[in-house]
């Protein structure tokens, strides 16, 4: 590793098996990487010597990533694909020029797995982008489902313990909040037009009358 030098301090690399990050230290025994979650990953050089290495600093520093989610099959696939793409487009850390994409990859009875592909400016920003994307997906999931399964729906799709989510357009958020169940459709439409930015905003709007 020290002779061929496939990477150096400051390079952003992706190792076969999934380990990725910025190289912050190289010694005769191991390589230290700082990943997108700001953790230091220490990989023995003897193991790296047997791996394929992608050095993003050798060319473009752009990093391509994929997030897989399980969605309830009651969701129309075309609508789901549009919602997933729109969710990715709202994330500041995801590049717009390399537009994010979504595709249905597998069907599992009452669930369909979708792969969301996106690009970030570097490996270091990939973790933040993934977090932003999960947040946007949470906003577009039925709260009753998201509250119970939000910690589990990002598990591997092959796991028997995986859960699916049920998505809806963000403009329909008021139709799925228990807090607003007593309101009529007209009152919900009025609140939706106001687009309050937070739950406190919803509560303030909830206490107002449509004609106020």
N, C-alpha and C. Protein backbone atom coordinates (compact mmCIF):
# COMPACT_ATOMS: atom_id res chain seq x y z
N UNK A 1 0.83 -1.20 0.00
CA UNK A 1 0.00 0.00 0.00
C UNK A 1 0.87 1.26 0.00
N UNK A 2 1.94 1.24 0.77
CA UNK A 2 2.79 2.42 0.87
C UNK A 2 3.63 2.62 -0.38
N UNK A 3 3.86 1.54 -1.12
CA UNK A 3 4.68 1.64 -2.34
C UNK A 3 3.84 2.11 -3.52
N UNK A 4 2.69 1.46 -3.76
CA UNK A 4 1.86 1.80 -4.91
C UNK A 4 1.05 3.08 -4.68
N UNK A 5 0.71 3.38 -3.43
CA UNK A 5 -0.01 4.58 -3.07
C UNK A 5 -1.26 4.82 -3.93
N UNK A 6 -2.26 3.94 -3.81
CA UNK A 6 -3.51 4.14 -4.56
C UNK A 6 -4.33 5.31 -4.03
N UNK A 7 -3.94 5.82 -2.88
CA UNK A 7 -4.61 6.98 -2.30
C UNK A 7 -3.64 7.66 -1.34
N UNK A 8 -3.98 8.90 -0.95
CA UNK A 8 -3.13 9.62 -0.01
C UNK A 8 -4.02 10.39 0.96
N UNK A 9 -3.40 11.03 1.94
CA UNK A 9 -4.15 11.80 2.94
C UNK A 9 -5.01 12.85 2.23
N UNK A 10 -6.28 12.92 2.62
CA UNK A 10 -7.19 13.89 2.03
C UNK A 10 -8.05 13.34 0.91
N UNK A 11 -7.67 12.17 0.36
CA UNK A 11 -8.48 11.55 -0.69
C UNK A 11 -9.76 10.98 -0.10
N UNK A 12 -10.80 10.96 -0.91
CA UNK A 12 -12.05 10.31 -0.52
C UNK A 12 -12.17 9.01 -1.29
N UNK A 13 -12.24 7.89 -0.55
CA UNK A 13 -12.23 6.59 -1.20
C UNK A 13 -13.42 5.75 -0.77
N UNK A 14 -13.77 4.83 -1.62
CA UNK A 14 -14.82 3.84 -1.33
C UNK A 14 -14.19 2.47 -1.48
N UNK A 15 -14.27 1.66 -0.41
CA UNK A 15 -13.68 0.33 -0.41
C UNK A 15 -14.73 -0.73 -0.71
N UNK A 16 -14.32 -1.79 -1.35
CA UNK A 16 -15.21 -2.91 -1.60
C UNK A 16 -15.74 -3.41 -0.25
N UNK A 17 -17.06 -3.54 -0.16
CA UNK A 17 -17.67 -3.92 1.10
C UNK A 17 -18.45 -2.79 1.74
N UNK A 18 -18.20 -1.53 1.24
CA UNK A 18 -19.04 -0.42 1.68
C UNK A 18 -18.36 0.64 2.51
N UNK A 19 -17.19 0.37 3.08
CA UNK A 19 -16.50 1.38 3.88
C UNK A 19 -16.09 2.54 2.99
N UNK A 20 -16.36 3.76 3.43
CA UNK A 20 -16.05 4.93 2.62
C UNK A 20 -15.74 6.10 3.51
N UNK A 21 -14.96 7.04 3.00
CA UNK A 21 -14.67 8.24 3.76
C UNK A 21 -13.39 8.92 3.29
N UNK A 22 -13.04 9.97 4.02
CA UNK A 22 -11.82 10.71 3.72
C UNK A 22 -10.64 10.09 4.45
N UNK A 23 -9.55 9.89 3.75
CA UNK A 23 -8.35 9.31 4.35
C UNK A 23 -7.71 10.37 5.25
N UNK A 24 -7.61 10.07 6.54
CA UNK A 24 -7.03 11.03 7.47
C UNK A 24 -5.71 10.55 8.06
N UNK A 25 -5.41 9.26 7.91
CA UNK A 25 -4.13 8.75 8.40
C UNK A 25 -3.79 7.45 7.70
N UNK A 26 -2.51 7.29 7.35
CA UNK A 26 -2.01 6.04 6.76
C UNK A 26 -0.73 5.67 7.50
N UNK A 27 -0.69 4.46 8.03
CA UNK A 27 0.56 3.98 8.62
C UNK A 27 0.84 2.58 8.06
N UNK A 28 1.88 1.94 8.54
CA UNK A 28 2.27 0.66 7.94
C UNK A 28 1.31 -0.46 8.26
N UNK A 29 0.41 -0.25 9.24
CA UNK A 29 -0.54 -1.30 9.62
C UNK A 29 -1.96 -1.06 9.12
N UNK A 30 -2.40 0.18 9.08
CA UNK A 30 -3.81 0.45 8.78
C UNK A 30 -4.01 1.81 8.13
N UNK A 31 -5.23 1.97 7.60
CA UNK A 31 -5.67 3.25 7.03
C UNK A 31 -6.87 3.74 7.83
N UNK A 32 -6.88 5.01 8.17
CA UNK A 32 -7.97 5.59 8.95
C UNK A 32 -8.83 6.46 8.03
N UNK A 33 -10.14 6.20 8.05
CA UNK A 33 -11.08 6.96 7.23
C UNK A 33 -12.06 7.69 8.14
N UNK A 34 -12.40 8.93 7.78
CA UNK A 34 -13.48 9.65 8.45
C UNK A 34 -14.69 9.62 7.53
N UNK A 35 -15.77 8.95 7.98
CA UNK A 35 -16.92 8.78 7.10
C UNK A 35 -17.91 9.93 7.24
N UNK A 36 -19.04 9.81 6.49
CA UNK A 36 -20.03 10.87 6.47
C UNK A 36 -20.69 11.12 7.81
N UNK A 37 -20.66 10.13 8.71
CA UNK A 37 -21.24 10.29 10.04
C UNK A 37 -20.22 10.85 11.04
N UNK A 38 -19.04 11.23 10.52
CA UNK A 38 -17.96 11.80 11.32
C UNK A 38 -17.33 10.78 12.27
N UNK A 39 -17.47 9.49 11.93
CA UNK A 39 -16.79 8.44 12.68
C UNK A 39 -15.47 8.10 11.98
N UNK A 40 -14.51 7.61 12.75
CA UNK A 40 -13.25 7.16 12.18
C UNK A 40 -13.30 5.65 12.01
N UNK A 41 -13.11 5.21 10.78
CA UNK A 41 -13.10 3.78 10.47
C UNK A 41 -11.66 3.36 10.22
N UNK A 42 -11.19 2.37 10.95
CA UNK A 42 -9.82 1.89 10.82
C UNK A 42 -9.84 0.55 10.10
N UNK A 43 -9.16 0.50 8.95
CA UNK A 43 -9.15 -0.71 8.12
C UNK A 43 -7.72 -1.20 7.98
N UNK A 44 -7.43 -2.46 8.31
CA UNK A 44 -6.07 -3.00 8.14
C UNK A 44 -5.63 -2.92 6.68
N UNK A 45 -4.40 -2.53 6.46
CA UNK A 45 -3.89 -2.45 5.09
C UNK A 45 -3.86 -3.82 4.42
N UNK A 46 -3.67 -4.87 5.22
CA UNK A 46 -3.66 -6.22 4.65
C UNK A 46 -5.01 -6.56 4.04
N UNK A 47 -6.09 -6.02 4.61
CA UNK A 47 -7.43 -6.24 4.06
C UNK A 47 -7.68 -5.36 2.85
N UNK A 48 -7.22 -4.10 2.92
CA UNK A 48 -7.41 -3.18 1.80
C UNK A 48 -6.69 -3.67 0.56
N UNK A 49 -5.55 -4.31 0.75
CA UNK A 49 -4.75 -4.79 -0.39
C UNK A 49 -5.52 -5.81 -1.22
N UNK A 50 -6.54 -6.45 -0.64
CA UNK A 50 -7.32 -7.45 -1.35
C UNK A 50 -8.65 -6.88 -1.88
N UNK A 51 -8.88 -5.58 -1.64
CA UNK A 51 -10.16 -4.97 -2.02
C UNK A 51 -10.02 -4.12 -3.28
N UNK A 52 -11.16 -3.93 -3.94
CA UNK A 52 -11.24 -2.93 -4.99
C UNK A 52 -11.39 -1.56 -4.32
N UNK A 53 -10.68 -0.57 -4.84
CA UNK A 53 -10.69 0.77 -4.25
C UNK A 53 -11.15 1.77 -5.31
N UNK A 54 -12.16 2.55 -4.95
CA UNK A 54 -12.58 3.66 -5.81
C UNK A 54 -12.09 4.95 -5.18
N UNK A 55 -11.20 5.63 -5.87
CA UNK A 55 -10.65 6.89 -5.37
C UNK A 55 -11.37 8.04 -6.06
N UNK A 56 -12.29 8.68 -5.33
CA UNK A 56 -13.09 9.75 -5.92
C UNK A 56 -12.29 11.02 -6.10
N UNK A 57 -11.18 11.14 -5.42
CA UNK A 57 -10.37 12.35 -5.54
C UNK A 57 -9.46 12.29 -6.77
N UNK A 58 -9.32 11.11 -7.36
CA UNK A 58 -8.48 10.97 -8.54
C UNK A 58 -9.15 11.57 -9.77
N UNK A 59 -10.48 11.65 -9.74
CA UNK A 59 -11.23 12.25 -10.84
C UNK A 59 -12.25 13.20 -10.25
N UNK A 60 -13.50 12.99 -10.60
CA UNK A 60 -14.56 13.80 -10.00
C UNK A 60 -14.79 13.37 -8.56
N UNK A 61 -15.01 14.34 -7.68
CA UNK A 61 -15.26 14.03 -6.27
C UNK A 61 -16.72 13.70 -6.03
N UNK A 62 -17.53 13.77 -7.08
CA UNK A 62 -18.95 13.46 -6.93
C UNK A 62 -19.13 12.02 -6.49
N UNK A 63 -20.06 11.82 -5.56
CA UNK A 63 -20.30 10.49 -5.01
C UNK A 63 -21.73 10.07 -5.32
N UNK A 64 -21.88 8.86 -5.82
CA UNK A 64 -23.19 8.32 -6.16
C UNK A 64 -23.63 7.34 -5.08
N UNK A 65 -24.85 7.48 -4.62
CA UNK A 65 -25.36 6.63 -3.55
C UNK A 65 -26.78 6.17 -3.88
N UNK A 66 -27.21 5.13 -3.17
CA UNK A 66 -28.55 4.58 -3.36
C UNK A 66 -29.18 4.29 -2.00
N UNK A 67 -30.44 4.64 -1.86
CA UNK A 67 -31.20 4.33 -0.66
C UNK A 67 -32.38 3.47 -1.08
N UNK A 68 -32.56 2.32 -0.43
CA UNK A 68 -33.65 1.41 -0.74
C UNK A 68 -34.73 1.50 0.32
N UNK A 69 -35.98 1.65 -0.11
CA UNK A 69 -37.10 1.71 0.82
C UNK A 69 -38.17 0.71 0.40
N UNK A 70 -38.91 0.23 1.37
CA UNK A 70 -40.04 -0.66 1.12
C UNK A 70 -41.33 0.14 1.23
N UNK A 71 -42.17 0.05 0.21
CA UNK A 71 -43.41 0.82 0.17
C UNK A 71 -44.59 -0.13 0.04
N UNK A 72 -45.64 0.17 0.77
CA UNK A 72 -46.87 -0.63 0.70
C UNK A 72 -47.34 -0.71 -0.75
N UNK A 73 -47.69 -1.90 -1.20
CA UNK A 73 -48.08 -2.08 -2.60
C UNK A 73 -49.40 -1.42 -2.94
N UNK A 74 -50.14 -0.92 -1.95
CA UNK A 74 -51.36 -0.17 -2.23
C UNK A 74 -51.04 1.17 -2.86
N UNK A 75 -49.81 1.65 -2.66
CA UNK A 75 -49.39 2.88 -3.32
C UNK A 75 -49.21 2.62 -4.81
N UNK A 76 -49.81 3.46 -5.62
CA UNK A 76 -49.64 3.34 -7.07
C UNK A 76 -48.16 3.53 -7.41
N UNK A 77 -47.54 2.61 -8.16
CA UNK A 77 -46.10 2.72 -8.45
C UNK A 77 -45.70 4.03 -9.12
N UNK A 78 -46.51 4.51 -10.07
CA UNK A 78 -46.15 5.76 -10.75
C UNK A 78 -46.16 6.93 -9.77
N UNK A 79 -47.17 6.99 -8.91
CA UNK A 79 -47.22 8.05 -7.90
C UNK A 79 -46.05 7.91 -6.92
N UNK A 80 -45.75 6.68 -6.53
CA UNK A 80 -44.65 6.45 -5.59
C UNK A 80 -43.33 6.93 -6.17
N UNK A 81 -43.07 6.59 -7.42
CA UNK A 81 -41.82 7.01 -8.06
C UNK A 81 -41.70 8.53 -8.10
N UNK A 82 -42.81 9.20 -8.37
CA UNK A 82 -42.80 10.66 -8.41
C UNK A 82 -42.55 11.25 -7.03
N UNK A 83 -43.19 10.69 -6.00
CA UNK A 83 -43.00 11.17 -4.64
C UNK A 83 -41.55 10.98 -4.19
N UNK A 84 -40.98 9.82 -4.49
CA UNK A 84 -39.60 9.54 -4.10
C UNK A 84 -38.63 10.51 -4.76
N UNK A 85 -38.84 10.79 -6.05
CA UNK A 85 -37.96 11.73 -6.76
C UNK A 85 -38.11 13.14 -6.21
N UNK A 86 -39.36 13.55 -5.96
CA UNK A 86 -39.59 14.89 -5.43
C UNK A 86 -38.98 15.03 -4.03
N UNK A 87 -39.06 13.97 -3.23
CA UNK A 87 -38.45 14.00 -1.90
C UNK A 87 -36.94 14.21 -2.01
N UNK A 88 -36.30 13.53 -2.95
CA UNK A 88 -34.86 13.66 -3.13
C UNK A 88 -34.49 15.06 -3.62
N UNK A 89 -35.32 15.64 -4.46
CA UNK A 89 -35.03 16.96 -5.02
C UNK A 89 -35.09 18.06 -3.98
N UNK A 90 -35.78 17.82 -2.86
CA UNK A 90 -35.88 18.84 -1.81
C UNK A 90 -34.68 18.83 -0.86
N UNK A 91 -33.78 17.87 -1.02
CA UNK A 91 -32.64 17.73 -0.10
C UNK A 91 -31.48 18.62 -0.55
N UNK A 92 -31.04 19.57 0.27
CA UNK A 92 -29.97 20.49 -0.13
C UNK A 92 -28.65 19.79 -0.47
N UNK A 93 -28.36 18.66 0.16
CA UNK A 93 -27.07 18.00 -0.05
C UNK A 93 -27.06 17.12 -1.30
N UNK A 94 -28.21 16.93 -1.92
CA UNK A 94 -28.28 16.11 -3.15
C UNK A 94 -28.17 17.03 -4.36
N UNK A 95 -27.29 16.68 -5.28
CA UNK A 95 -27.03 17.51 -6.45
C UNK A 95 -28.23 17.53 -7.39
N UNK A 96 -28.58 18.72 -7.89
CA UNK A 96 -29.69 18.85 -8.83
C UNK A 96 -29.24 18.55 -10.25
N UNK A 97 -27.98 18.88 -10.57
CA UNK A 97 -27.52 18.69 -11.94
C UNK A 97 -27.48 17.22 -12.32
N UNK A 98 -27.12 16.38 -11.37
CA UNK A 98 -27.22 14.94 -11.59
C UNK A 98 -28.52 14.51 -10.93
N UNK A 99 -29.61 14.73 -11.64
CA UNK A 99 -30.94 14.58 -11.04
C UNK A 99 -31.13 13.21 -10.40
N UNK A 100 -31.67 13.18 -9.18
CA UNK A 100 -31.94 11.89 -8.52
C UNK A 100 -33.00 11.12 -9.29
N UNK A 101 -32.95 9.81 -9.17
CA UNK A 101 -33.91 8.96 -9.88
C UNK A 101 -34.43 7.89 -8.93
N UNK A 102 -35.52 7.27 -9.31
CA UNK A 102 -36.10 6.19 -8.50
C UNK A 102 -36.61 5.11 -9.44
N UNK A 103 -36.49 3.87 -8.99
CA UNK A 103 -37.00 2.75 -9.78
C UNK A 103 -37.47 1.64 -8.86
N UNK A 104 -38.50 0.95 -9.31
CA UNK A 104 -39.00 -0.21 -8.56
C UNK A 104 -38.08 -1.38 -8.86
N UNK A 105 -37.58 -2.04 -7.81
CA UNK A 105 -36.60 -3.09 -8.03
C UNK A 105 -37.14 -4.50 -7.77
N UNK A 106 -38.00 -4.65 -6.75
CA UNK A 106 -38.53 -5.97 -6.43
C UNK A 106 -39.92 -5.85 -5.84
N UNK A 107 -40.69 -6.92 -5.93
CA UNK A 107 -42.00 -6.97 -5.29
C UNK A 107 -41.99 -8.09 -4.27
N UNK A 108 -42.49 -7.81 -3.08
CA UNK A 108 -42.48 -8.77 -1.98
C UNK A 108 -43.91 -8.93 -1.46
N UNK A 109 -44.77 -9.53 -2.21
CA UNK A 109 -46.15 -9.70 -1.78
C UNK A 109 -46.87 -8.37 -1.66
N UNK A 110 -47.05 -7.90 -0.43
CA UNK A 110 -47.77 -6.64 -0.20
C UNK A 110 -46.82 -5.45 -0.12
N UNK A 111 -45.55 -5.64 -0.50
CA UNK A 111 -44.57 -4.57 -0.47
C UNK A 111 -43.79 -4.54 -1.77
N UNK A 112 -43.36 -3.35 -2.14
CA UNK A 112 -42.50 -3.17 -3.30
C UNK A 112 -41.26 -2.41 -2.86
N UNK A 113 -40.10 -2.87 -3.25
CA UNK A 113 -38.88 -2.16 -2.91
C UNK A 113 -38.51 -1.19 -4.03
N UNK A 114 -38.10 0.00 -3.64
CA UNK A 114 -37.70 1.05 -4.58
C UNK A 114 -36.29 1.50 -4.25
N UNK A 115 -35.50 1.73 -5.29
CA UNK A 115 -34.14 2.23 -5.13
C UNK A 115 -34.11 3.70 -5.53
N UNK A 116 -33.70 4.56 -4.62
CA UNK A 116 -33.54 5.99 -4.91
C UNK A 116 -32.06 6.25 -5.12
N UNK A 117 -31.69 6.66 -6.32
CA UNK A 117 -30.29 6.94 -6.64
C UNK A 117 -30.06 8.45 -6.65
N UNK A 118 -28.98 8.89 -6.05
CA UNK A 118 -28.70 10.32 -5.99
C UNK A 118 -27.19 10.55 -5.94
N UNK A 119 -26.80 11.79 -6.16
CA UNK A 119 -25.38 12.15 -6.14
C UNK A 119 -25.15 13.28 -5.16
N UNK A 120 -23.98 13.26 -4.53
CA UNK A 120 -23.56 14.34 -3.64
C UNK A 120 -22.22 14.87 -4.11
N UNK A 121 -21.85 16.02 -3.59
CA UNK A 121 -20.60 16.64 -4.04
C UNK A 121 -19.37 15.88 -3.56
N UNK A 122 -19.52 15.06 -2.51
CA UNK A 122 -18.39 14.30 -1.98
C UNK A 122 -18.91 13.18 -1.10
N UNK A 123 -18.03 12.26 -0.76
CA UNK A 123 -18.39 11.18 0.16
C UNK A 123 -18.77 11.77 1.52
N UNK A 124 -18.08 12.82 1.93
CA UNK A 124 -18.30 13.41 3.25
C UNK A 124 -19.74 13.91 3.42
N UNK A 125 -20.37 14.33 2.34
CA UNK A 125 -21.73 14.86 2.43
C UNK A 125 -22.80 13.80 2.19
N UNK A 126 -22.39 12.57 1.92
CA UNK A 126 -23.35 11.50 1.62
C UNK A 126 -24.22 11.16 2.83
N UNK A 127 -23.62 11.13 4.02
CA UNK A 127 -24.39 10.81 5.22
C UNK A 127 -25.45 11.85 5.50
N UNK A 128 -25.09 13.12 5.35
CA UNK A 128 -26.06 14.20 5.56
C UNK A 128 -27.18 14.13 4.53
N UNK A 129 -26.83 13.82 3.28
CA UNK A 129 -27.84 13.70 2.23
C UNK A 129 -28.81 12.57 2.52
N UNK A 130 -28.27 11.45 2.98
CA UNK A 130 -29.12 10.31 3.31
C UNK A 130 -30.08 10.67 4.46
N UNK A 131 -29.57 11.39 5.46
CA UNK A 131 -30.41 11.81 6.58
C UNK A 131 -31.52 12.76 6.11
N UNK A 132 -31.17 13.68 5.24
CA UNK A 132 -32.17 14.62 4.70
C UNK A 132 -33.24 13.87 3.92
N UNK A 133 -32.82 12.88 3.15
CA UNK A 133 -33.77 12.12 2.34
C UNK A 133 -34.73 11.32 3.22
N UNK A 134 -34.20 10.69 4.26
CA UNK A 134 -35.06 9.93 5.18
C UNK A 134 -36.06 10.88 5.85
N UNK A 135 -35.60 12.08 6.21
CA UNK A 135 -36.50 13.07 6.81
C UNK A 135 -37.63 13.44 5.86
N UNK A 136 -37.30 13.66 4.60
CA UNK A 136 -38.32 14.02 3.62
C UNK A 136 -39.29 12.87 3.37
N UNK A 137 -38.81 11.64 3.39
CA UNK A 137 -39.69 10.48 3.23
C UNK A 137 -40.63 10.36 4.42
N UNK A 138 -40.11 10.66 5.61
CA UNK A 138 -40.94 10.60 6.82
C UNK A 138 -42.10 11.58 6.71
N UNK A 139 -41.84 12.75 6.16
CA UNK A 139 -42.88 13.77 6.01
C UNK A 139 -43.97 13.31 5.05
N UNK A 140 -43.64 12.38 4.18
CA UNK A 140 -44.58 11.93 3.17
C UNK A 140 -45.17 10.56 3.48
N UNK A 141 -44.97 10.10 4.71
CA UNK A 141 -45.53 8.81 5.14
C UNK A 141 -46.68 9.06 6.10
N UNK A 142 -47.67 8.18 6.08
CA UNK A 142 -48.76 8.31 7.04
C UNK A 142 -48.17 8.30 8.45
N UNK A 143 -48.47 9.32 9.27
CA UNK A 143 -47.89 9.37 10.62
C UNK A 143 -48.13 8.11 11.44
N UNK A 144 -49.30 7.49 11.31
CA UNK A 144 -49.59 6.30 12.12
C UNK A 144 -48.64 5.17 11.76
N UNK A 145 -48.22 5.12 10.47
CA UNK A 145 -47.27 4.10 10.04
C UNK A 145 -45.86 4.53 10.39
N UNK A 146 -45.55 5.78 10.09
CA UNK A 146 -44.19 6.26 10.30
C UNK A 146 -43.81 6.21 11.77
N UNK A 147 -44.73 6.51 12.68
CA UNK A 147 -44.41 6.52 14.09
C UNK A 147 -44.05 5.13 14.58
N UNK A 148 -44.72 4.13 14.05
CA UNK A 148 -44.47 2.76 14.50
C UNK A 148 -43.27 2.14 13.82
N UNK A 149 -43.00 2.55 12.58
CA UNK A 149 -42.03 1.82 11.78
C UNK A 149 -40.86 2.65 11.29
N UNK A 150 -40.81 3.92 11.63
CA UNK A 150 -39.76 4.77 11.07
C UNK A 150 -38.37 4.27 11.39
N UNK A 151 -38.19 3.62 12.54
CA UNK A 151 -36.88 3.11 12.92
C UNK A 151 -36.56 1.79 12.24
N UNK A 152 -37.55 1.24 11.50
CA UNK A 152 -37.33 -0.09 10.94
C UNK A 152 -37.44 -0.14 9.42
N UNK A 153 -38.09 0.88 8.78
CA UNK A 153 -38.34 0.71 7.36
C UNK A 153 -37.10 0.87 6.49
N UNK A 154 -35.96 1.31 7.09
CA UNK A 154 -34.73 1.41 6.32
C UNK A 154 -33.85 0.17 6.47
N UNK A 155 -34.36 -0.89 7.10
CA UNK A 155 -33.58 -2.12 7.21
C UNK A 155 -33.45 -2.78 5.85
N UNK A 156 -32.57 -3.76 5.75
CA UNK A 156 -32.37 -4.45 4.48
C UNK A 156 -33.66 -5.08 3.99
N UNK A 157 -33.88 -5.01 2.68
CA UNK A 157 -35.14 -5.50 2.14
C UNK A 157 -35.26 -7.02 2.21
N UNK A 158 -34.15 -7.70 2.46
CA UNK A 158 -34.21 -9.15 2.53
C UNK A 158 -34.54 -9.64 3.95
N UNK A 159 -34.59 -8.73 4.89
CA UNK A 159 -34.86 -9.12 6.27
C UNK A 159 -36.33 -9.41 6.47
N UNK A 160 -36.63 -10.48 7.18
CA UNK A 160 -38.03 -10.83 7.46
C UNK A 160 -38.66 -9.82 8.40
N UNK A 161 -37.83 -9.00 9.06
CA UNK A 161 -38.35 -8.00 9.99
C UNK A 161 -38.55 -6.63 9.32
N UNK A 162 -38.36 -6.55 8.00
CA UNK A 162 -38.51 -5.28 7.31
C UNK A 162 -39.97 -4.86 7.28
N UNK A 163 -40.18 -3.54 7.35
CA UNK A 163 -41.51 -2.98 7.32
C UNK A 163 -41.64 -2.04 6.13
N UNK A 164 -42.86 -1.89 5.66
CA UNK A 164 -43.10 -0.98 4.55
C UNK A 164 -43.71 0.31 5.07
N UNK A 165 -43.67 1.35 4.24
CA UNK A 165 -44.31 2.61 4.56
C UNK A 165 -45.41 2.88 3.54
N UNK A 166 -46.35 3.74 3.91
CA UNK A 166 -47.41 4.13 2.99
C UNK A 166 -47.24 5.62 2.72
N UNK A 167 -46.95 5.96 1.46
CA UNK A 167 -46.65 7.33 1.09
C UNK A 167 -47.88 8.08 0.59
N UNK A 168 -47.85 9.39 0.74
CA UNK A 168 -48.90 10.24 0.18
C UNK A 168 -48.26 11.57 -0.21
N UNK A 169 -48.84 12.29 -1.17
CA UNK A 169 -48.29 13.59 -1.56
C UNK A 169 -48.25 14.53 -0.37
N UNK A 170 -47.20 15.36 -0.30
CA UNK A 170 -47.03 16.25 0.84
C UNK A 170 -48.22 17.19 1.01
N UNK A 171 -48.89 17.53 -0.08
CA UNK A 171 -50.03 18.45 0.01
C UNK A 171 -51.20 17.81 0.74
N UNK A 172 -51.16 16.49 0.94
CA UNK A 172 -52.24 15.80 1.65
C UNK A 172 -51.92 15.57 3.13
N UNK A 173 -50.87 16.24 3.64
CA UNK A 173 -50.44 15.98 5.02
C UNK A 173 -51.56 16.19 6.02
N UNK A 174 -52.43 17.18 5.79
CA UNK A 174 -53.48 17.47 6.76
C UNK A 174 -54.56 16.40 6.80
N UNK A 175 -54.61 15.57 5.76
CA UNK A 175 -55.60 14.49 5.74
C UNK A 175 -55.19 13.33 6.64
N UNK A 176 -53.94 13.33 7.10
CA UNK A 176 -53.42 12.17 7.82
C UNK A 176 -52.93 12.50 9.23
N UNK A 177 -53.22 13.69 9.71
CA UNK A 177 -52.82 14.06 11.06
C UNK A 177 -53.97 13.85 12.04
N UNK A 178 -53.79 13.00 13.05
CA UNK A 178 -54.86 12.77 14.03
C UNK A 178 -55.35 14.07 14.67
N UNK A 179 -54.44 15.04 14.86
CA UNK A 179 -54.79 16.32 15.46
C UNK A 179 -55.90 17.03 14.70
N UNK A 180 -55.93 16.81 13.37
CA UNK A 180 -56.87 17.54 12.53
C UNK A 180 -58.09 16.72 12.11
N UNK A 181 -58.24 15.54 12.66
CA UNK A 181 -59.36 14.68 12.27
C UNK A 181 -60.73 15.34 12.46
N UNK A 182 -60.94 16.19 13.50
CA UNK A 182 -62.28 16.79 13.67
C UNK A 182 -62.65 17.79 12.59
N UNK A 183 -61.67 18.28 11.81
CA UNK A 183 -61.95 19.30 10.81
C UNK A 183 -62.65 18.74 9.59
N UNK A 184 -63.41 19.61 8.94
CA UNK A 184 -64.06 19.24 7.68
C UNK A 184 -63.04 19.30 6.55
N UNK A 185 -63.40 18.77 5.38
CA UNK A 185 -62.52 18.82 4.22
C UNK A 185 -62.19 20.26 3.84
N UNK A 186 -63.20 21.14 3.94
CA UNK A 186 -62.98 22.54 3.59
C UNK A 186 -61.98 23.20 4.53
N UNK A 187 -62.07 22.88 5.81
CA UNK A 187 -61.15 23.45 6.78
C UNK A 187 -59.73 22.93 6.57
N UNK A 188 -59.61 21.64 6.22
CA UNK A 188 -58.29 21.08 5.94
C UNK A 188 -57.69 21.73 4.70
N UNK A 189 -58.53 21.97 3.70
CA UNK A 189 -58.05 22.61 2.48
C UNK A 189 -57.56 24.02 2.78
N UNK A 190 -58.26 24.71 3.68
CA UNK A 190 -57.86 26.06 4.07
C UNK A 190 -56.50 26.03 4.76
N UNK A 191 -56.29 25.07 5.64
CA UNK A 191 -55.01 24.95 6.34
C UNK A 191 -53.90 24.58 5.37
N UNK A 192 -54.19 23.71 4.44
CA UNK A 192 -53.19 23.29 3.47
C UNK A 192 -52.71 24.47 2.64
N UNK A 193 -53.64 25.39 2.32
CA UNK A 193 -53.28 26.56 1.54
C UNK A 193 -52.36 27.49 2.32
N UNK A 194 -52.49 27.47 3.65
CA UNK A 194 -51.64 28.32 4.48
C UNK A 194 -50.22 27.80 4.59
N UNK A 195 -50.04 26.45 4.47
CA UNK A 195 -48.73 25.81 4.53
C UNK A 195 -47.90 26.29 5.72
N UNK A 196 -48.39 26.13 6.95
CA UNK A 196 -47.56 26.48 8.10
C UNK A 196 -46.31 25.64 8.14
N UNK A 197 -45.22 26.22 8.66
CA UNK A 197 -43.91 25.56 8.57
C UNK A 197 -43.63 24.60 9.70
N UNK A 198 -44.46 24.56 10.74
CA UNK A 198 -44.14 23.69 11.86
C UNK A 198 -45.42 23.23 12.53
N UNK A 199 -45.26 22.29 13.47
CA UNK A 199 -46.42 21.79 14.19
C UNK A 199 -47.08 22.90 14.98
N UNK A 200 -46.28 23.82 15.54
CA UNK A 200 -46.87 24.94 16.25
C UNK A 200 -47.69 25.79 15.30
N UNK A 201 -47.23 25.88 14.05
CA UNK A 201 -47.99 26.62 13.05
C UNK A 201 -49.30 25.93 12.74
N UNK A 202 -49.29 24.58 12.69
CA UNK A 202 -50.52 23.82 12.47
C UNK A 202 -51.51 24.09 13.60
N UNK A 203 -50.98 24.12 14.83
CA UNK A 203 -51.86 24.32 15.97
C UNK A 203 -52.49 25.71 15.95
N UNK A 204 -51.68 26.71 15.57
CA UNK A 204 -52.22 28.06 15.47
C UNK A 204 -53.29 28.12 14.39
N UNK A 205 -53.01 27.46 13.26
CA UNK A 205 -53.97 27.46 12.17
C UNK A 205 -55.22 26.67 12.54
N UNK A 206 -55.00 25.60 13.33
CA UNK A 206 -56.11 24.75 13.74
C UNK A 206 -57.12 25.53 14.58
N UNK A 207 -56.60 26.50 15.36
CA UNK A 207 -57.50 27.27 16.23
C UNK A 207 -58.20 28.40 15.48
N UNK A 208 -57.78 28.65 14.23
CA UNK A 208 -58.41 29.72 13.45
C UNK A 208 -59.59 29.18 12.66
N UNK A 209 -60.53 30.03 12.36
CA UNK A 209 -61.67 29.66 11.54
C UNK A 209 -61.36 29.95 10.07
N UNK A 210 -61.92 29.17 9.14
CA UNK A 210 -61.63 29.38 7.72
C UNK A 210 -61.91 30.78 7.24
N UNK A 211 -62.87 31.48 7.83
CA UNK A 211 -63.24 32.80 7.35
C UNK A 211 -62.55 33.92 8.10
N UNK A 212 -61.65 33.55 9.05
CA UNK A 212 -60.95 34.58 9.82
C UNK A 212 -59.92 35.30 8.96
